[in-house]
Each structure stands twice: as structure tokens, then as C-alpha cells.
Protein backbone atom coordinates (compact mmCIF):
# COMPACT_ATOMS: atom_id res chain seq x y z
CA MET A 1 0.07 0.10 0.00
CA LEU A 2 2.89 2.22 0.68
CA LYS A 3 4.42 1.46 -2.34
CA PHE A 4 1.03 1.80 -4.18
CA LEU A 5 0.67 5.74 -2.36
CA PHE A 6 4.17 6.69 -2.83
CA TRP A 7 3.89 6.24 -6.72
CA VAL A 8 0.37 8.39 -6.79
CA ALA A 9 2.43 10.88 -4.68
CA ALA A 10 5.22 10.91 -7.79
CA LEU A 11 2.79 11.29 -10.94
CA VAL A 12 0.73 13.82 -8.77
CA ALA A 13 4.31 15.67 -8.11
CA PHE A 14 5.27 15.45 -11.98
CA ILE A 15 1.63 16.42 -13.51
CA TRP A 16 1.86 19.29 -11.04
CA PHE A 17 5.58 20.62 -11.85
CA ALA A 18 4.79 19.80 -16.03
CA VAL A 19 1.73 22.46 -15.52
CA SER A 20 2.82 24.93 -13.29
CA VAL A 21 6.97 25.32 -13.33
CA PRO A 22 8.29 27.30 -16.22
CA LEU A 23 11.01 26.25 -18.09
CA GLY A 24 12.07 28.92 -20.20
CA ASP A 25 8.65 30.63 -21.73
CA HIS A 26 6.92 27.85 -21.40
CA THR A 27 5.90 24.76 -18.59
CA LEU A 28 6.61 21.51 -19.76
CA TRP A 29 2.91 20.85 -20.71
CA GLY A 30 2.91 24.06 -22.78
CA HIS A 31 6.23 22.91 -24.63
CA ALA A 32 5.03 19.82 -25.02
CA ARG A 33 1.77 20.73 -26.59
CA ARG A 34 3.44 23.65 -28.85
CA ILE A 35 6.20 20.64 -30.02
CA TRP A 36 2.87 18.29 -30.69
CA GLN A 37 1.03 21.16 -33.25
CA THR A 38 3.93 21.98 -35.21
CA LYS A 39 3.66 20.41 -38.81
CA GLU A 40 6.74 18.32 -38.64
CA THR A 41 4.65 16.70 -35.90
CA GLN A 42 1.20 16.60 -37.46
CA ASP A 43 3.38 15.40 -40.74
CA LEU A 44 5.23 11.94 -38.30
CA VAL A 45 1.41 10.89 -37.60
CA GLU A 46 0.00 11.15 -40.26
CA GLY A 47 2.77 8.68 -41.91
CA THR A 48 2.92 6.88 -39.14
CA LYS A 49 -1.21 5.95 -39.55
CA LYS A 50 -0.58 5.58 -43.44
CA ALA A 51 2.22 2.89 -42.47
CA VAL A 52 0.08 1.47 -39.39
CA GLY A 53 -3.02 1.05 -40.70
CA PRO A 54 -2.94 -2.30 -42.81
CA ALA A 55 -1.98 -4.12 -39.11
CA ALA A 56 -4.48 -2.07 -37.65
CA ASP A 57 -7.36 -2.99 -40.07
CA LYS A 58 -5.84 -6.92 -39.58
CA PHE A 59 -5.97 -6.37 -35.88
CA LYS A 60 -9.47 -5.49 -35.94
CA ARG A 61 -10.53 -8.01 -38.00
CA THR A 62 -8.84 -10.61 -36.30
CA VAL A 63 -10.51 -9.56 -32.84
CA LYS A 64 -13.53 -9.07 -34.44
CA ALA A 65 -13.61 -12.84 -35.85
CA GLY A 66 -12.27 -14.01 -32.44
CA VAL A 67 -15.36 -13.06 -30.71
CA ASP A 68 -17.95 -13.71 -33.50
CA GLU A 69 -16.52 -16.99 -32.67
CA ALA A 70 -17.25 -16.80 -29.32
CA ARG A 71 -20.70 -15.66 -29.15
CA LYS A 72 -20.85 -18.55 -31.39
CA ASP A 73 -23.85 -21.56 -29.43
CA PRO A 74 -21.52 -24.37 -28.66
């Protein structure tokens, strides 16, 4: 239980740090948000979606087939 409380406290401390302590002109959260909004990052996201798309579709079909098979009456 103490270990869990320690990790919760550490997470809360990190979140507080990320949103309230300035690192230059912005907080850590502000820097991350500004980086995420750049054209380069958005290009990376779109490229990743295109590359992973076929694998994700195959995964969805496989899971759906497994669920359908599990729902069949024995």
C-alpha cells in the first residue's frame, strides 16, 4: 500500500511540475503542446497512421472474428 501511495504522490508531483513550473517561456506541458502542434509532428502522425493502417485493420478483423467465434453457441 505504501508503494502505491508513493507512486501516486510521484505522479501528482510530476503533473504539478509539468503544468506549473516555467521552463523558459513555457511550462513542460506548454512545450509539449507546442511541439505536438508543429507541421513536422503532424506529418509524422499521418505517416504513422498510413504505415500502421493495414496492420491495424488486420488486427481489428482478427479480434472481430475471435469475438464472433466466441459468441457462437456450442
